[in-house]
Amino acid sequence: MNALTEADIAAARAQGDLTALLLMASGLPVTAATPKQRAKTAAPLVPRSRPGAWPEGSRSPGLAPEAAAHLHQLWPDRYPAPGGAR
């Protein structure tokens, strides 16, 4: 192979082996005829820290009794009376 033509390059691109064509044209040996395919792997599940968040599997302890009493005074229809009595 003395010279590459535009038709050679277009045919190599269509076949997907442009690298092999350029290696052969430069005189270097072509060791791998097929391009290497990377296997897609799923990302490992890593527990992520969540600063300021409740730990997973737990829930908020709720309002303090003083805060619940104050909110009941402000909005009796939205917050129940502390202790369950209205």
Protein backbone atom coordinates (compact mmCIF):
# COMPACT_ATOMS: atom_id res chain seq x y z
CA MET A 1 0.00 0.00 0.00
CA ASN A 2 1.72 3.15 -1.19
CA ALA A 3 -0.85 5.88 -0.64
CA LEU A 4 -4.21 6.25 0.96
CA THR A 5 -7.03 7.62 -1.11
CA GLU A 6 -10.21 9.25 0.08
CA ALA A 7 -12.13 6.14 -0.98
CA ASP A 8 -9.88 3.96 1.25
CA ILE A 9 -10.49 6.19 4.26
CA ALA A 10 -14.25 6.35 3.63
CA ALA A 11 -14.43 2.55 3.32
CA ALA A 12 -12.39 2.10 6.53
CA ARG A 13 -14.70 4.48 8.41
CA ALA A 14 -17.75 2.61 7.18
CA GLN A 15 -16.25 -0.68 8.40
CA GLY A 16 -15.09 0.85 11.66
CA ASP A 17 -11.41 -0.06 11.27
CA LEU A 18 -9.80 3.29 10.46
CA THR A 19 -7.16 2.74 13.16
CA ALA A 20 -6.03 -0.53 11.60
CA LEU A 21 -5.81 1.11 8.17
CA LEU A 22 -3.67 3.95 9.50
CA LEU A 23 -1.38 1.54 11.37
CA MET A 24 -0.88 -0.56 8.22
CA ALA A 25 -0.23 2.55 6.12
CA SER A 26 2.43 3.74 8.57
CA GLY A 27 4.14 0.36 8.59
CA LEU A 28 3.32 -0.50 12.22
CA PRO A 29 2.07 -3.99 13.01
CA VAL A 30 -1.64 -4.38 13.72
CA THR A 31 -1.95 -6.61 16.76
CA ALA A 32 -5.68 -6.42 17.46
CA ALA A 33 -7.95 -6.77 14.44
CA THR A 34 -11.10 -5.99 16.38
CA PRO A 35 -11.58 -3.01 18.65
CA LYS A 36 -11.84 -3.78 22.36
CA GLN A 37 -15.33 -3.56 23.78
CA ARG A 38 -15.77 -2.46 27.37
CA ALA A 39 -18.26 -4.48 29.34
CA LYS A 40 -20.87 -2.31 31.00
CA THR A 41 -21.05 -3.01 34.69
CA ALA A 42 -23.54 -1.65 37.15
CA ALA A 43 -22.22 0.85 39.65
CA PRO A 44 -21.83 -0.69 43.10
CA LEU A 45 -24.31 0.42 45.71
CA VAL A 46 -22.41 2.56 48.15
CA PRO A 47 -24.12 3.94 51.25
CA ARG A 48 -23.93 7.69 51.10
CA SER A 49 -23.81 9.90 54.13
CA ARG A 50 -26.59 12.41 54.36
CA PRO A 51 -25.46 15.22 56.67
CA GLY A 52 -28.29 16.54 58.80
CA ALA A 53 -30.73 13.82 57.75
CA TRP A 54 -32.33 11.16 59.92
CA PRO A 55 -30.66 7.77 59.67
CA GLU A 56 -32.33 5.39 57.26
CA GLY A 57 -34.98 3.25 58.91
CA SER A 58 -35.77 5.80 61.60
CA ARG A 59 -38.16 8.70 61.83
CA SER A 60 -38.38 12.07 63.51
CA PRO A 61 -39.28 11.96 67.20
CA GLY A 62 -41.85 14.69 66.68
CA LEU A 63 -42.31 18.00 68.44
CA ALA A 64 -41.16 18.72 71.96
CA PRO A 65 -44.12 19.08 74.39
CA GLU A 66 -43.43 22.81 74.83
CA ALA A 67 -43.38 23.39 71.08
CA ALA A 68 -46.55 21.33 70.59
CA ALA A 69 -48.39 23.38 73.25
CA HIS A 70 -47.26 26.67 71.67
CA LEU A 71 -48.29 25.60 68.16
CA HIS A 72 -51.67 24.44 69.48
CA GLN A 73 -52.22 27.92 70.96
CA LEU A 74 -51.35 29.57 67.66
CA TRP A 75 -53.23 27.19 65.33
CA PRO A 76 -55.64 24.95 67.25
CA ASP A 77 -57.19 23.60 64.04
CA ARG A 78 -53.79 22.52 62.61
CA TYR A 79 -51.99 21.12 65.68
CA PRO A 80 -53.67 18.82 68.24
CA ALA A 81 -53.46 19.60 71.93
CA PRO A 82 -50.47 18.06 73.71
CA GLY A 83 -51.49 14.79 75.31
CA GLY A 84 -54.30 14.19 72.82
CA ALA A 85 -57.01 16.24 74.65
CA ARG A 86 -58.68 19.14 72.85
